[in-house]
Amino acid sequence: MTIDELRAQECTALKGKENALAAVRAQELLALLPGWEFGPGNDDIRKQYRFPDFVRALAFVNALGWIAETENHHPDIELGWGRCLVKFSTHDVGGLSMNDFISAAKAEALFG
């Protein structure tokens, strides 16, 4: 699988631990996403994006918010001057799901 193939997918509603990804699969998918890493406990994936100013960071957050609404999969976002930390996890499965990696791939396309 490539990052483009991942980005072309759509998020689906997932509930229950049976939809959580195995650690090996999560590691394979993470390798497709430049600069993304596991959070503490490996229960989320995250990336810090850098921008030349606050306005561009805010514009990225707003555009990512629109994508999140479209996909119905919402990140945790921390916004500051020239930076934005994006974290994805799937609370309804108690960890990581395909939705997290699909959404991260879409964030990468937005940033690129």
PDB file of N, CA and C in Angstrom:
ATOM      1  N   MET A   1       0.848  -1.184   0.000  1.00  0.00           N
ATOM      2  CA  MET A   1       0.000   0.000   0.000  1.00  0.00           C
ATOM      3  C   MET A   1       0.888   1.240   0.000  1.00  0.00           C
ATOM      4  N   THR A   2       0.407   2.303  -0.656  1.00  0.00           N
ATOM      5  CA  THR A   2       1.105   3.580  -0.683  1.00  0.00           C
ATOM      6  C   THR A   2       0.298   4.622   0.088  1.00  0.00           C
ATOM      7  N   ILE A   3       0.920   5.762   0.340  1.00  0.00           N
ATOM      8  CA  ILE A   3       0.199   6.841   1.015  1.00  0.00           C
ATOM      9  C   ILE A   3      -0.954   7.340   0.145  1.00  0.00           C
ATOM     10  N   ASP A   4      -0.781   7.327  -1.174  1.00  0.00           N
ATOM     11  CA  ASP A   4      -1.863   7.758  -2.066  1.00  0.00           C
ATOM     12  C   ASP A   4      -3.053   6.804  -2.003  1.00  0.00           C
ATOM     13  N   GLU A   5      -2.777   5.517  -1.929  1.00  0.00           N
ATOM     14  CA  GLU A   5      -3.860   4.528  -1.805  1.00  0.00           C
ATOM     15  C   GLU A   5      -4.568   4.667  -0.461  1.00  0.00           C
ATOM     16  N   LEU A   6      -3.811   4.964   0.569  1.00  0.00           N
ATOM     17  CA  LEU A   6      -4.386   5.175   1.896  1.00  0.00           C
ATOM     18  C   LEU A   6      -5.282   6.410   1.884  1.00  0.00           C
ATOM     19  N   ARG A   7      -4.782   7.494   1.294  1.00  0.00           N
ATOM     20  CA  ARG A   7      -5.539   8.750   1.240  1.00  0.00           C
ATOM     21  C   ARG A   7      -6.821   8.620   0.422  1.00  0.00           C
ATOM     22  N   ALA A   8      -6.834   7.740  -0.572  1.00  0.00           N
ATOM     23  CA  ALA A   8      -8.006   7.568  -1.436  1.00  0.00           C
ATOM     24  C   ALA A   8      -9.161   6.857  -0.735  1.00  0.00           C
ATOM     25  N   GLN A   9      -8.894   6.233   0.401  1.00  0.00           N
ATOM     26  CA  GLN A   9      -9.949   5.530   1.131  1.00  0.00           C
ATOM     27  C   GLN A   9     -10.812   6.513   1.921  1.00  0.00           C
ATOM     28  N   GLU A  10     -11.959   6.046   2.344  1.00  0.00           N
ATOM     29  CA  GLU A  10     -12.855   6.852   3.168  1.00  0.00           C
ATOM     30  C   GLU A  10     -13.011   6.205   4.534  1.00  0.00           C
ATOM     31  N   CYS A  11     -13.184   7.029   5.552  1.00  0.00           N
ATOM     32  CA  CYS A  11     -13.397   6.519   6.901  1.00  0.00           C
ATOM     33  C   CYS A  11     -14.796   5.898   6.994  1.00  0.00           C
ATOM     34  N   THR A  12     -14.904   4.880   7.830  1.00  0.00           N
ATOM     35  CA  THR A  12     -16.187   4.233   8.088  1.00  0.00           C
ATOM     36  C   THR A  12     -16.410   4.187   9.593  1.00  0.00           C
ATOM     37  N   ALA A  13     -17.655   4.120  10.001  1.00  0.00           N
ATOM     38  CA  ALA A  13     -17.974   4.036  11.423  1.00  0.00           C
ATOM     39  C   ALA A  13     -17.471   2.706  11.978  1.00  0.00           C
ATOM     40  N   LEU A  14     -16.691   2.784  13.035  1.00  0.00           N
ATOM     41  CA  LEU A  14     -16.127   1.589  13.667  1.00  0.00           C
ATOM     42  C   LEU A  14     -16.383   1.635  15.154  1.00  0.00           C
ATOM     43  N   LYS A  15     -16.804   0.520  15.711  1.00  0.00           N
ATOM     44  CA  LYS A  15     -17.002   0.399  17.162  1.00  0.00           C
ATOM     45  C   LYS A  15     -16.520  -0.968  17.602  1.00  0.00           C
ATOM     46  N   GLY A  16     -15.953  -1.019  18.782  1.00  0.00           N
ATOM     47  CA  GLY A  16     -15.535  -2.285  19.360  1.00  0.00           C
ATOM     48  C   GLY A  16     -14.066  -2.595  19.128  1.00  0.00           C
ATOM     49  N   LYS A  17     -13.491  -3.261  20.094  1.00  0.00           N
ATOM     50  CA  LYS A  17     -12.068  -3.629  20.065  1.00  0.00           C
ATOM     51  C   LYS A  17     -11.684  -4.450  18.845  1.00  0.00           C
ATOM     52  N   GLU A  18     -12.635  -5.189  18.272  1.00  0.00           N
ATOM     53  CA  GLU A  18     -12.315  -6.019  17.109  1.00  0.00           C
ATOM     54  C   GLU A  18     -11.902  -5.178  15.896  1.00  0.00           C
ATOM     55  N   ASN A  19     -12.180  -3.879  15.928  1.00  0.00           N
ATOM     56  CA  ASN A  19     -11.796  -2.986  14.836  1.00  0.00           C
ATOM     57  C   ASN A  19     -10.482  -2.261  15.086  1.00  0.00           C
ATOM     58  N   ALA A  20      -9.869  -2.516  16.227  1.00  0.00           N
ATOM     59  CA  ALA A  20      -8.556  -1.926  16.507  1.00  0.00           C
ATOM     60  C   ALA A  20      -7.494  -2.661  15.692  1.00  0.00           C
ATOM     61  N   LEU A  21      -6.512  -1.909  15.228  1.00  0.00           N
ATOM     62  CA  LEU A  21      -5.440  -2.506  14.433  1.00  0.00           C
ATOM     63  C   LEU A  21      -4.437  -3.229  15.316  1.00  0.00           C
ATOM     64  N   ALA A  22      -3.908  -4.319  14.797  1.00  0.00           N
ATOM     65  CA  ALA A  22      -2.802  -5.007  15.459  1.00  0.00           C
ATOM     66  C   ALA A  22      -1.575  -4.107  15.394  1.00  0.00           C
ATOM     67  N   ALA A  23      -0.698  -4.229  16.369  1.00  0.00           N
ATOM     68  CA  ALA A  23       0.489  -3.383  16.455  1.00  0.00           C
ATOM     69  C   ALA A  23       1.346  -3.471  15.192  1.00  0.00           C
ATOM     70  N   VAL A  24       1.488  -4.653  14.643  1.00  0.00           N
ATOM     71  CA  VAL A  24       2.308  -4.830  13.437  1.00  0.00           C
ATOM     72  C   VAL A  24       1.708  -4.068  12.262  1.00  0.00           C
ATOM     73  N   ARG A  25       0.407  -4.141  12.086  1.00  0.00           N
ATOM     74  CA  ARG A  25      -0.258  -3.434  10.989  1.00  0.00           C
ATOM     75  C   ARG A  25      -0.163  -1.924  11.195  1.00  0.00           C
ATOM     76  N   ALA A  26      -0.338  -1.470  12.422  1.00  0.00           N
ATOM     77  CA  ALA A  26      -0.219  -0.041  12.708  1.00  0.00           C
ATOM     78  C   ALA A  26       1.187   0.458  12.364  1.00  0.00           C
ATOM     79  N   GLN A  27       2.200  -0.322  12.682  1.00  0.00           N
ATOM     80  CA  GLN A  27       3.582   0.051  12.370  1.00  0.00           C
ATOM     81  C   GLN A  27       3.797   0.129  10.858  1.00  0.00           C
ATOM     82  N   GLU A  28       3.230  -0.806  10.114  1.00  0.00           N
ATOM     83  CA  GLU A  28       3.336  -0.793   8.646  1.00  0.00           C
ATOM     84  C   GLU A  28       2.703   0.471   8.067  1.00  0.00           C
ATOM     85  N   LEU A  29       1.541   0.811   8.562  1.00  0.00           N
ATOM     86  CA  LEU A  29       0.839   1.995   8.066  1.00  0.00           C
ATOM     87  C   LEU A  29       1.547   3.279   8.468  1.00  0.00           C
ATOM     88  N   LEU A  30       2.077   3.326   9.677  1.00  0.00           N
ATOM     89  CA  LEU A  30       2.791   4.508  10.148  1.00  0.00           C
ATOM     90  C   LEU A  30       4.007   4.791   9.264  1.00  0.00           C
ATOM     91  N   ALA A  31       4.636   3.752   8.770  1.00  0.00           N
ATOM     92  CA  ALA A  31       5.812   3.915   7.902  1.00  0.00           C
ATOM     93  C   ALA A  31       5.473   4.648   6.606  1.00  0.00           C
ATOM     94  N   LEU A  32       4.204   4.689   6.228  1.00  0.00           N
ATOM     95  CA  LEU A  32       3.778   5.396   5.027  1.00  0.00           C
ATOM     96  C   LEU A  32       3.628   6.900   5.244  1.00  0.00           C
ATOM     97  N   LEU A  33       3.612   7.327   6.490  1.00  0.00           N
ATOM     98  CA  LEU A  33       3.288   8.708   6.845  1.00  0.00           C
ATOM     99  C   LEU A  33       4.532   9.440   7.352  1.00  0.00           C
ATOM    100  N   PRO A  34       5.161  10.258   6.513  1.00  0.00           N
ATOM    101  CA  PRO A  34       6.395  10.926   6.915  1.00  0.00           C
ATOM    102  C   PRO A  34       6.199  11.855   8.109  1.00  0.00           C
ATOM    103  N   GLY A  35       7.045  11.679   9.117  1.00  0.00           N
ATOM    104  CA  GLY A  35       7.019  12.548  10.293  1.00  0.00           C
ATOM    105  C   GLY A  35       5.999  12.186  11.358  1.00  0.00           C
ATOM    106  N   TRP A  36       5.138  11.215  11.088  1.00  0.00           N
ATOM    107  CA  TRP A  36       4.146  10.803  12.080  1.00  0.00           C
ATOM    108  C   TRP A  36       4.787   9.811  13.031  1.00  0.00           C
ATOM    109  N   GLU A  37       4.320   9.815  14.276  1.00  0.00           N
ATOM    110  CA  GLU A  37       4.840   8.889  15.279  1.00  0.00           C
ATOM    111  C   GLU A  37       3.725   8.448  16.209  1.00  0.00           C
ATOM    112  N   PHE A  38       3.988   7.370  16.934  1.00  0.00           N
ATOM    113  CA  PHE A  38       3.041   6.915  17.943  1.00  0.00           C
ATOM    114  C   PHE A  38       3.136   7.827  19.159  1.00  0.00           C
ATOM    115  N   GLY A  39       2.002   8.063  19.799  1.00  0.00           N
ATOM    116  CA  GLY A  39       1.990   8.780  21.059  1.00  0.00           C
ATOM    117  C   GLY A  39       2.321   7.828  22.194  1.00  0.00           C
ATOM    118  N   PRO A  40       2.401   8.350  23.415  1.00  0.00           N
ATOM    119  CA  PRO A  40       2.673   7.487  24.569  1.00  0.00           C
ATOM    120  C   PRO A  40       1.651   6.356  24.649  1.00  0.00           C
ATOM    121  N   GLY A  41       2.113   5.158  24.864  1.00  0.00           N
ATOM    122  CA  GLY A  41       1.227   4.010  24.962  1.00  0.00           C
ATOM    123  C   GLY A  41       0.779   3.468  23.616  1.00  0.00           C
ATOM    124  N   ASN A  42       1.274   4.086  22.533  1.00  0.00           N
ATOM    125  CA  ASN A  42       0.904   3.671  21.172  1.00  0.00           C
ATOM    126  C   ASN A  42      -0.602   3.679  20.925  1.00  0.00           C
ATOM    127  N   ASP A  43      -1.333   4.549  21.630  1.00  0.00           N
ATOM    128  CA  ASP A  43      -2.785   4.583  21.448  1.00  0.00           C
ATOM    129  C   ASP A  43      -3.245   5.736  20.561  1.00  0.00           C
ATOM    130  N   ASP A  44      -2.296   6.504  20.013  1.00  0.00           N
ATOM    131  CA  ASP A  44      -2.617   7.517  19.014  1.00  0.00           C
ATOM    132  C   ASP A  44      -1.427   7.676  18.077  1.00  0.00           C
ATOM    133  N   ILE A  45      -1.673   8.360  16.948  1.00  0.00           N
ATOM    134  CA  ILE A  45      -0.588   8.777  16.078  1.00  0.00           C
ATOM    135  C   ILE A  45      -0.624  10.289  16.033  1.00  0.00           C
ATOM    136  N   ARG A  46       0.551  10.914  15.843  1.00  0.00           N
ATOM    137  CA  ARG A  46       0.617  12.363  15.936  1.00  0.00           C
ATOM    138  C   ARG A  46       1.732  12.932  15.085  1.00  0.00           C
ATOM    139  N   LYS A  47       1.524  14.201  14.730  1.00  0.00           N
ATOM    140  CA  LYS A  47       2.559  14.926  13.998  1.00  0.00           C
ATOM    141  C   LYS A  47       2.449  16.401  14.321  1.00  0.00           C
ATOM    142  N   GLN A  48       3.598  17.022  14.486  1.00  0.00           N
ATOM    143  CA  GLN A  48       3.667  18.468  14.684  1.00  0.00           C
ATOM    144  C   GLN A  48       3.976  19.108  13.330  1.00  0.00           C
ATOM    145  N   TYR A  49       3.094  19.966  12.867  1.00  0.00           N
ATOM    146  CA  TYR A  49       3.294  20.710  11.632  1.00  0.00           C
ATOM    147  C   TYR A  49       3.808  22.096  11.975  1.00  0.00           C
ATOM    148  N   ARG A  50       4.706  22.627  11.141  1.00  0.00           N
ATOM    149  CA  ARG A  50       5.273  23.967  11.343  1.00  0.00           C
ATOM    150  C   ARG A  50       4.849  24.886  10.197  1.00  0.00           C
ATOM    151  N   PHE A  51       4.591  26.143  10.553  1.00  0.00           N
ATOM    152  CA  PHE A  51       4.151  27.149   9.598  1.00  0.00           C
ATOM    153  C   PHE A  51       4.911  28.446   9.859  1.00  0.00           C
ATOM    154  N   PRO A  52       4.979  29.338   8.861  1.00  0.00           N
ATOM    155  CA  PRO A  52       5.729  30.584   9.060  1.00  0.00           C
ATOM    156  C   PRO A  52       5.022  31.609   9.940  1.00  0.00           C
ATOM    157  N   ASP A  53       3.733  31.381  10.224  1.00  0.00           N
ATOM    158  CA  ASP A  53       3.004  32.339  11.050  1.00  0.00           C
ATOM    159  C   ASP A  53       1.727  31.701  11.594  1.00  0.00           C
ATOM    160  N   PHE A  54       1.036  32.446  12.422  1.00  0.00           N
ATOM    161  CA  PHE A  54      -0.198  31.942  13.033  1.00  0.00           C
ATOM    162  C   PHE A  54      -1.317  31.772  12.016  1.00  0.00           C
ATOM    163  N   VAL A  55      -1.446  32.722  11.094  1.00  0.00           N
ATOM    164  CA  VAL A  55      -2.551  32.696  10.137  1.00  0.00           C
ATOM    165  C   VAL A  55      -2.506  31.416   9.290  1.00  0.00           C
ATOM    166  N   ARG A  56      -1.328  31.009   8.853  1.00  0.00           N
ATOM    167  CA  ARG A  56      -1.236  29.793   8.042  1.00  0.00           C
ATOM    168  C   ARG A  56      -1.504  28.543   8.880  1.00  0.00           C
ATOM    169  N   ALA A  57      -1.066  28.559  10.123  1.00  0.00           N
ATOM    170  CA  ALA A  57      -1.376  27.430  11.010  1.00  0.00           C
ATOM    171  C   ALA A  57      -2.881  27.328  11.222  1.00  0.00           C
ATOM    172  N   LEU A  58      -3.522  28.448  11.434  1.00  0.00           N
ATOM    173  CA  LEU A  58      -4.972  28.475  11.631  1.00  0.00           C
ATOM    174  C   LEU A  58      -5.713  28.025  10.372  1.00  0.00           C
ATOM    175  N   ALA A  59      -5.242  28.451   9.219  1.00  0.00           N
ATOM    176  CA  ALA A  59      -5.867  28.035   7.961  1.00  0.00           C
ATOM    177  C   ALA A  59      -5.769  26.518   7.790  1.00  0.00           C
ATOM    178  N   PHE A  60      -4.630  25.936   8.155  1.00  0.00           N
ATOM    179  CA  PHE A  60      -4.466  24.486   8.088  1.00  0.00           C
ATOM    180  C   PHE A  60      -5.461  23.800   9.018  1.00  0.00           C
ATOM    181  N   VAL A  61      -5.592  24.304  10.234  1.00  0.00           N
ATOM    182  CA  VAL A  61      -6.531  23.725  11.201  1.00  0.00           C
ATOM    183  C   VAL A  61      -7.957  23.795  10.667  1.00  0.00           C
ATOM    184  N   ASN A  62      -8.340  24.922  10.103  1.00  0.00           N
ATOM    185  CA  ASN A  62      -9.697  25.056   9.564  1.00  0.00           C
ATOM    186  C   ASN A  62      -9.938  24.099   8.406  1.00  0.00           C
ATOM    187  N   ALA A  63      -8.966  23.967   7.513  1.00  0.00           N
ATOM    188  CA  ALA A  63      -9.121  23.042   6.388  1.00  0.00           C
ATOM    189  C   ALA A  63      -9.149  21.596   6.883  1.00  0.00           C
ATOM    190  N   LEU A  64      -8.320  21.271   7.847  1.00  0.00           N
ATOM    191  CA  LEU A  64      -8.320  19.923   8.414  1.00  0.00           C
ATOM    192  C   LEU A  64      -9.646  19.649   9.121  1.00  0.00           C
ATOM    193  N   GLY A  65     -10.202  20.650   9.764  1.00  0.00           N
ATOM    194  CA  GLY A  65     -11.514  20.503  10.397  1.00  0.00           C
ATOM    195  C   GLY A  65     -12.596  20.166   9.390  1.00  0.00           C
ATOM    196  N   TRP A  66     -12.548  20.784   8.219  1.00  0.00           N
ATOM    197  CA  TRP A  66     -13.516  20.485   7.175  1.00  0.00           C
ATOM    198  C   TRP A  66     -13.369  19.039   6.707  1.00  0.00           C
ATOM    199  N   ILE A  67     -12.129  18.587   6.524  1.00  0.00           N
ATOM    200  CA  ILE A  67     -11.885  17.194   6.133  1.00  0.00           C
ATOM    201  C   ILE A  67     -12.402  16.249   7.219  1.00  0.00           C
ATOM    202  N   ALA A  68     -12.139  16.576   8.471  1.00  0.00           N
ATOM    203  CA  ALA A  68     -12.583  15.737   9.589  1.00  0.00           C
ATOM    204  C   ALA A  68     -14.100  15.612   9.613  1.00  0.00           C
ATOM    205  N   GLU A  69     -14.789  16.704   9.358  1.00  0.00           N
ATOM    206  CA  GLU A  69     -16.252  16.655   9.311  1.00  0.00           C
ATOM    207  C   GLU A  69     -16.732  15.793   8.144  1.00  0.00           C
ATOM    208  N   THR A  70     -16.089  15.933   6.999  1.00  0.00           N
ATOM    209  CA  THR A  70     -16.447  15.152   5.819  1.00  0.00           C
ATOM    210  C   THR A  70     -16.261  13.659   6.078  1.00  0.00           C
ATOM    211  N   GLU A  71     -15.164  13.300   6.747  1.00  0.00           N
ATOM    212  CA  GLU A  71     -14.852  11.901   7.030  1.00  0.00           C
ATOM    213  C   GLU A  71     -15.526  11.395   8.303  1.00  0.00           C
ATOM    214  N   ASN A  72     -16.082  12.309   9.095  1.00  0.00           N
ATOM    215  CA  ASN A  72     -16.644  11.973  10.399  1.00  0.00           C
ATOM    216  C   ASN A  72     -15.618  11.255  11.291  1.00  0.00           C
ATOM    217  N   HIS A  73     -14.394  11.782  11.230  1.00  0.00           N
ATOM    218  CA  HIS A  73     -13.311  11.265  12.082  1.00  0.00           C
ATOM    219  C   HIS A  73     -12.465  12.467  12.484  1.00  0.00           C
ATOM    220  N   HIS A  74     -12.513  12.809  13.765  1.00  0.00           N
ATOM    221  CA  HIS A  74     -12.006  14.088  14.242  1.00  0.00           C
ATOM    222  C   HIS A  74     -10.733  13.933  15.075  1.00  0.00           C
ATOM    223  N   PRO A  75      -9.715  14.727  14.758  1.00  0.00           N
ATOM    224  CA  PRO A  75      -8.474  14.673  15.527  1.00  0.00           C
ATOM    225  C   PRO A  75      -8.544  15.553  16.767  1.00  0.00           C
ATOM    226  N   ASP A  76      -7.594  15.343  17.648  1.00  0.00           N
ATOM    227  CA  ASP A  76      -7.298  16.310  18.693  1.00  0.00           C
ATOM    228  C   ASP A  76      -6.253  17.234  18.095  1.00  0.00           C
ATOM    229  N   ILE A  77      -6.454  18.531  18.247  1.00  0.00           N
ATOM    230  CA  ILE A  77      -5.568  19.515  17.629  1.00  0.00           C
ATOM    231  C   ILE A  77      -5.124  20.517  18.684  1.00  0.00           C
ATOM    232  N   GLU A  78      -3.820  20.805  18.694  1.00  0.00           N
ATOM    233  CA  GLU A  78      -3.271  21.881  19.521  1.00  0.00           C
ATOM    234  C   GLU A  78      -2.676  22.909  18.573  1.00  0.00           C
ATOM    235  N   LEU A  79      -3.146  24.141  18.651  1.00  0.00           N
ATOM    236  CA  LEU A  79      -2.732  25.212  17.757  1.00  0.00           C
ATOM    237  C   LEU A  79      -1.951  26.256  18.530  1.00  0.00           C
ATOM    238  N   GLY A  80      -0.855  26.706  17.956  1.00  0.00           N
ATOM    239  CA  GLY A  80      -0.074  27.795  18.522  1.00  0.00           C
ATOM    240  C   GLY A  80       0.542  28.597  17.398  1.00  0.00           C
ATOM    241  N   TRP A  81       1.295  29.628  17.733  1.00  0.00           N
ATOM    242  CA  TRP A  81       1.910  30.465  16.714  1.00  0.00           C
ATOM    243  C   TRP A  81       2.878  29.622  15.890  1.00  0.00           C
ATOM    244  N   GLY A  82       2.558  29.451  14.610  1.00  0.00           N
ATOM    245  CA  GLY A  82       3.436  28.752  13.685  1.00  0.00           C
ATOM    246  C   GLY A  82       3.511  27.246  13.860  1.00  0.00           C
ATOM    247  N   ARG A  83       2.564  26.687  14.604  1.00  0.00           N
ATOM    248  CA  ARG A  83       2.621  25.235  14.810  1.00  0.00           C
ATOM    249  C   ARG A  83       1.227  24.675  15.032  1.00  0.00           C
ATOM    250  N   CYS A  84       1.123  23.396  14.751  1.00  0.00           N
ATOM    251  CA  CYS A  84      -0.124  22.677  14.953  1.00  0.00           C
ATOM    252  C   CYS A  84       0.220  21.224  15.225  1.00  0.00           C
ATOM    253  N   LEU A  85      -0.209  20.708  16.360  1.00  0.00           N
ATOM    254  CA  LEU A  85      -0.033  19.297  16.696  1.00  0.00           C
ATOM    255  C   LEU A  85      -1.349  18.590  16.426  1.00  0.00           C
ATOM    256  N   VAL A  86      -1.285  17.553  15.586  1.00  0.00           N
ATOM    257  CA  VAL A  86      -2.474  16.790  15.202  1.00  0.00           C
ATOM    258  C   VAL A  86      -2.325  15.382  15.757  1.00  0.00           C
ATOM    259  N   LYS A  87      -3.367  14.899  16.439  1.00  0.00           N
ATOM    260  CA  LYS A  87      -3.369  13.545  17.008  1.00  0.00           C
ATOM    261  C   LYS A  87      -4.635  12.824  16.568  1.00  0.00           C
ATOM    262  N   PHE A  88      -4.455  11.605  16.077  1.00  0.00           N
ATOM    263  CA  PHE A  88      -5.587  10.771  15.712  1.00  0.00           C
ATOM    264  C   PHE A  88      -5.606   9.503  16.553  1.00  0.00           C
ATOM    265  N   SER A  89      -6.782   9.134  17.007  1.00  0.00           N
ATOM    266  CA  SER A  89      -7.054   7.834  17.622  1.00  0.00           C
ATOM    267  C   SER A  89      -8.544   7.569  17.427  1.00  0.00           C
ATOM    268  N   THR A  90      -8.940   6.325  17.627  1.00  0.00           N
ATOM    269  CA  THR A  90     -10.354   5.988  17.465  1.00  0.00           C
ATOM    270  C   THR A  90     -10.885   5.552  18.822  1.00  0.00           C
ATOM    271  N   HIS A  91     -11.541   6.476  19.503  1.00  0.00           N
ATOM    272  CA  HIS A  91     -12.021   6.215  20.861  1.00  0.00           C
ATOM    273  C   HIS A  91     -12.984   5.035  20.905  1.00  0.00           C
ATOM    274  N   ASP A  92     -13.791   4.876  19.863  1.00  0.00           N
ATOM    275  CA  ASP A  92     -14.787   3.798  19.852  1.00  0.00           C
ATOM    276  C   ASP A  92     -14.192   2.400  19.719  1.00  0.00           C
ATOM    277  N   VAL A  93     -12.900   2.308  19.383  1.00  0.00           N
ATOM    278  CA  VAL A  93     -12.252   0.987  19.345  1.00  0.00           C
ATOM    279  C   VAL A  93     -11.194   0.874  20.437  1.00  0.00           C
ATOM    280  N   GLY A  94     -10.977   1.957  21.166  1.00  0.00           N
ATOM    281  CA  GLY A  94     -10.012   1.931  22.263  1.00  0.00           C
ATOM    282  C   GLY A  94      -8.560   1.935  21.807  1.00  0.00           C
ATOM    283  N   GLY A  95      -8.296   2.535  20.659  1.00  0.00           N
ATOM    284  CA  GLY A  95      -6.924   2.584  20.151  1.00  0.00           C
ATOM    285  C   GLY A  95      -6.894   3.096  18.731  1.00  0.00           C
ATOM    286  N   LEU A  96      -6.090   2.454  17.912  1.00  0.00           N
ATOM    287  CA  LEU A  96      -5.912   2.879  16.525  1.00  0.00           C
ATOM    288  C   LEU A  96      -6.735   2.028  15.567  1.00  0.00           C
ATOM    289  N   SER A  97      -7.275   2.691  14.562  1.00  0.00           N
ATOM    290  CA  SER A  97      -8.018   1.996  13.507  1.00  0.00           C
ATOM    291  C   SER A  97      -7.534   2.511  12.157  1.00  0.00           C
ATOM    292  N   MET A  98      -8.015   1.907  11.084  1.00  0.00           N
ATOM    293  CA  MET A  98      -7.695   2.379   9.740  1.00  0.00           C
ATOM    294  C   MET A  98      -8.083   3.838   9.565  1.00  0.00           C
ATOM    295  N   ASN A  99      -9.153   4.273  10.212  1.00  0.00           N
ATOM    296  CA  ASN A  99      -9.601   5.658  10.082  1.00  0.00           C
ATOM    297  C   ASN A  99      -8.508   6.650  10.466  1.00  0.00           C
ATOM    298  N   ASP A 100      -7.703   6.309  11.469  1.00  0.00           N
ATOM    299  CA  ASP A 100      -6.638   7.213  11.911  1.00  0.00           C
ATOM    300  C   ASP A 100      -5.594   7.400  10.819  1.00  0.00           C
ATOM    301  N   PHE A 101      -5.237   6.333  10.158  1.00  0.00           N
ATOM    302  CA  PHE A 101      -4.208   6.389   9.131  1.00  0.00           C
ATOM    303  C   PHE A 101      -4.734   7.009   7.844  1.00  0.00           C
ATOM    304  N   ILE A 102      -5.985   6.745   7.518  1.00  0.00           N
ATOM    305  CA  ILE A 102      -6.625   7.396   6.367  1.00  0.00           C
ATOM    306  C   ILE A 102      -6.650   8.908   6.593  1.00  0.00           C
ATOM    307  N   SER A 103      -7.058   9.314   7.770  1.00  0.00           N
ATOM    308  CA  SER A 103      -7.156  10.746   8.083  1.00  0.00           C
ATOM    309  C   SER A 103      -5.785  11.413   8.116  1.00  0.00           C
ATOM    310  N   ALA A 104      -4.794  10.712   8.649  1.00  0.00           N
ATOM    311  CA  ALA A 104      -3.432  11.263   8.666  1.00  0.00           C
ATOM    312  C   ALA A 104      -2.913  11.441   7.240  1.00  0.00           C
ATOM    313  N   ALA A 105      -3.221  10.508   6.352  1.00  0.00           N
ATOM    314  CA  ALA A 105      -2.800  10.622   4.958  1.00  0.00           C
ATOM    315  C   ALA A 105      -3.462  11.819   4.293  1.00  0.00           C
ATOM    316  N   LYS A 106      -4.702  12.094   4.652  1.00  0.00           N
ATOM    317  CA  LYS A 106      -5.399  13.254   4.107  1.00  0.00           C
ATOM    318  C   LYS A 106      -4.800  14.545   4.662  1.00  0.00           C
ATOM    319  N   ALA A 107      -4.380  14.538   5.917  1.00  0.00           N
ATOM    320  CA  ALA A 107      -3.697  15.700   6.501  1.00  0.00           C
ATOM    321  C   ALA A 107      -2.381  15.959   5.776  1.00  0.00           C
ATOM    322  N   GLU A 108      -1.671  14.902   5.449  1.00  0.00           N
ATOM    323  CA  GLU A 108      -0.404  15.052   4.708  1.00  0.00           C
ATOM    324  C   GLU A 108      -0.646  15.688   3.354  1.00  0.00           C
ATOM    325  N   ALA A 109      -1.674  15.265   2.656  1.00  0.00           N
ATOM    326  CA  ALA A 109      -1.991  15.845   1.343  1.00  0.00           C
ATOM    327  C   ALA A 109      -2.345  17.328   1.483  1.00  0.00           C
ATOM    328  N   LEU A 110      -3.080  17.656   2.524  1.00  0.00           N
ATOM    329  CA  LEU A 110      -3.452  19.046   2.775  1.00  0.00           C
ATOM    330  C   LEU A 110      -2.215  19.889   3.025  1.00  0.00           C
ATOM    331  N   PHE A 111      -1.302  19.402   3.805  1.00  0.00           N
ATOM    332  CA  PHE A 111      -0.084  20.138   4.136  1.00  0.00           C
ATOM    333  C   PHE A 111       0.828  20.272   2.917  1.00  0.00           C
ATOM    334  N   GLY A 112       0.879  19.191   2.115  1.00  0.00           N
ATOM    335  CA  GLY A 112       1.779  19.162   0.952  1.00  0.00           C
ATOM    336  C   GLY A 112       1.357  20.122  -0.099  1.00  0.00           C
TER     337      GLY A 112
END
